[in-house]
């Protein structure tokens, strides 16, 4: 169960992130090593760098200090959700437009199909991918799993 201060911390940090063209993906507050650990997973179009994380870590730490939202000892960690994390919702797909994806589809009959291709667009209820077989519109409800394809 998340710490009750999570909502207050979210309300403080989301405008800061938005101001820097970043988005909060996940926020957790948990006791760790005798202090509160505030962990923010942050993303932005084009991805996060270590410098982005360090900058936001400093700004969020200063904002938390100024507002005195946390009375006890705490740490703040701002990090990227990672390149290989699954795309879970429409917003995740919107951030991945122009990237190559691996998508596992599940049809109504339970058939599973794997596709790979470039994400061209996100529609209200579907995504559009460029695949070797041509452009495909895929309903979000048929996507079982999706993640970015990492190129090394």
Protein backbone atom coordinates (compact mmCIF):
# COMPACT_ATOMS: atom_id res chain seq x y z
CA UNK A 1 0.00 0.00 0.00
CA UNK A 2 1.34 3.41 -0.93
CA UNK A 3 2.12 6.04 1.65
CA UNK A 4 -0.77 8.51 2.17
CA UNK A 5 1.53 11.42 1.23
CA UNK A 6 1.73 10.11 -2.34
CA UNK A 7 -1.19 12.25 -3.54
CA UNK A 8 0.39 15.42 -2.09
CA UNK A 9 3.76 14.61 -3.61
CA UNK A 10 2.08 13.89 -6.98
CA UNK A 11 0.26 17.24 -6.87
CA UNK A 12 3.56 19.02 -6.16
CA UNK A 13 5.70 17.21 -8.74
CA UNK A 14 3.43 16.86 -11.79
CA UNK A 15 3.40 20.61 -12.61
CA UNK A 16 7.20 20.71 -12.24
CA UNK A 17 7.57 17.79 -14.63
CA UNK A 18 5.09 19.25 -17.12
CA UNK A 19 7.06 22.52 -17.09
CA UNK A 20 10.10 20.51 -18.25
CA UNK A 21 8.17 18.50 -20.91
CA UNK A 22 8.26 15.38 -18.75
CA UNK A 23 5.57 13.08 -17.48
CA UNK A 24 5.19 11.10 -14.29
CA UNK A 25 4.79 7.40 -15.10
CA UNK A 26 4.83 6.06 -11.55
CA UNK A 27 5.25 7.40 -8.02
CA UNK A 28 5.87 5.28 -4.93
CA UNK A 29 6.61 6.19 -1.33
CA UNK A 30 7.83 3.36 0.87
CA UNK A 31 9.87 2.99 4.04
CA UNK A 32 13.39 1.78 3.26
CA UNK A 33 16.43 1.63 5.52
CA UNK A 34 14.87 3.72 8.29
CA UNK A 35 13.70 6.52 6.01
CA UNK A 36 11.03 7.20 3.42
CA UNK A 37 12.05 6.42 -0.16
CA UNK A 38 10.23 8.59 -2.74
CA UNK A 39 10.66 7.05 -6.19
CA UNK A 40 9.47 8.77 -9.36
CA UNK A 41 9.60 7.08 -12.76
CA UNK A 42 9.62 9.87 -15.33
CA UNK A 43 9.51 9.81 -19.11
CA UNK A 44 9.54 12.28 -21.97
CA UNK A 45 9.20 12.21 -25.71
CA UNK A 46 12.61 11.21 -27.03
CA UNK A 47 13.51 9.45 -23.79
CA UNK A 48 15.22 10.39 -20.56
CA UNK A 49 18.93 10.92 -20.00
CA UNK A 50 20.90 10.72 -16.77
CA UNK A 51 21.15 14.52 -16.90
CA UNK A 52 17.34 14.85 -17.09
CA UNK A 53 16.96 12.55 -14.08
CA UNK A 54 19.61 14.43 -12.08
CA UNK A 55 18.04 17.80 -12.89
CA UNK A 56 14.56 16.68 -11.87
CA UNK A 57 15.89 14.92 -8.77
CA UNK A 58 17.37 18.24 -7.61
CA UNK A 59 14.27 20.30 -8.49
CA UNK A 60 11.85 17.86 -6.86
CA UNK A 61 14.04 17.57 -3.77
CA UNK A 62 14.08 21.37 -3.43
CA UNK A 63 10.29 21.57 -3.91
CA UNK A 64 9.69 18.91 -1.27
CA UNK A 65 11.98 20.76 1.16
CA UNK A 66 10.27 24.10 0.49
CA UNK A 67 6.79 22.63 1.06
CA UNK A 68 7.88 20.52 4.07
CA UNK A 69 5.58 17.68 2.96
CA UNK A 70 7.74 15.01 4.59
CA UNK A 71 8.65 15.43 8.24
CA UNK A 72 11.02 12.46 8.64
CA UNK A 73 14.24 11.63 6.84
CA UNK A 74 13.71 10.73 3.17
CA UNK A 75 15.43 10.13 -0.13
CA UNK A 76 14.23 11.09 -3.60
CA UNK A 77 14.98 8.98 -6.65
CA UNK A 78 14.05 10.15 -10.14
CA UNK A 79 14.69 7.62 -12.87
CA UNK A 80 13.58 6.52 -16.29
CA UNK A 81 11.10 3.66 -16.56
CA UNK A 82 13.64 1.85 -18.76
CA UNK A 83 13.91 1.18 -22.45
CA UNK A 84 12.56 -2.36 -22.34
CA UNK A 85 9.56 -1.83 -20.12
CA UNK A 86 6.20 -2.93 -21.46
CA UNK A 87 3.93 -0.31 -23.01
CA UNK A 88 0.88 -0.45 -20.76
CA UNK A 89 -1.50 2.30 -21.79
CA UNK A 90 -2.38 4.71 -24.56
CA UNK A 91 0.00 7.39 -23.25
CA UNK A 92 2.92 4.92 -23.36
CA UNK A 93 2.14 4.29 -27.03
CA UNK A 94 1.91 8.03 -27.74
CA UNK A 95 5.43 8.51 -26.39
CA UNK A 96 6.67 5.67 -28.63
CA UNK A 97 5.42 7.02 -31.99
CA UNK A 98 8.19 6.64 -34.57
CA UNK A 99 9.83 3.76 -32.69
CA UNK A 100 10.01 0.09 -33.60
CA UNK A 101 7.78 -2.10 -31.48
CA UNK A 102 7.25 -5.78 -30.83
CA UNK A 103 3.56 -6.44 -30.26
CA UNK A 104 1.81 -9.63 -29.19
CA UNK A 105 -1.83 -9.73 -30.29
CA UNK A 106 -4.60 -11.86 -28.87
CA UNK A 107 -7.67 -12.33 -31.01
CA UNK A 108 -11.15 -13.03 -29.68
CA UNK A 109 -10.62 -16.71 -30.52
CA UNK A 110 -7.47 -16.80 -28.39
CA UNK A 111 -5.06 -16.90 -31.31
CA UNK A 112 -1.74 -15.22 -30.59
CA UNK A 113 0.22 -13.34 -33.25
CA UNK A 114 3.50 -11.47 -32.92
CA UNK A 115 4.18 -8.38 -35.00
CA UNK A 116 7.15 -6.11 -35.34
CA UNK A 117 7.16 -2.73 -36.98
CA UNK A 118 7.28 1.02 -36.59
CA UNK A 119 4.53 2.74 -34.62
CA UNK A 120 3.12 5.38 -36.96
CA UNK A 121 0.17 6.75 -34.99
CA UNK A 122 -2.06 6.33 -31.98
CA UNK A 123 -5.80 6.65 -32.50
CA UNK A 124 -8.48 6.84 -29.79
CA UNK A 125 -8.97 3.05 -29.71
CA UNK A 126 -6.11 1.68 -31.85
CA UNK A 127 -2.51 2.02 -32.99
CA UNK A 128 -1.21 2.13 -36.55
CA UNK A 129 1.99 0.21 -37.30
CA UNK A 130 4.11 -0.07 -40.42
CA UNK A 131 4.95 -3.78 -40.77
CA UNK A 132 6.63 -5.77 -43.56
CA UNK A 133 3.08 -6.76 -44.66
CA UNK A 134 2.01 -3.09 -44.87
CA UNK A 135 0.35 -0.61 -42.54
CA UNK A 136 -1.93 -2.19 -39.96
CA UNK A 137 -4.49 -0.68 -37.60
CA UNK A 138 -4.54 -2.67 -34.38
CA UNK A 139 -7.25 -2.22 -31.73
CA UNK A 140 -5.77 -1.53 -28.28
CA UNK A 141 -8.04 -4.25 -26.87
CA UNK A 142 -6.21 -6.89 -28.94
CA UNK A 143 -2.74 -5.98 -27.66
CA UNK A 144 -1.61 -8.54 -25.11
CA UNK A 145 1.93 -7.17 -24.72
CA UNK A 146 3.99 -4.50 -26.41
CA UNK A 147 7.47 -3.11 -25.97
CA UNK A 148 10.04 -1.12 -27.87
CA UNK A 149 12.55 -3.07 -29.95
CA UNK A 150 16.03 -2.32 -28.71
CA UNK A 151 18.70 -1.88 -31.39
CA UNK A 152 22.32 -2.29 -30.30
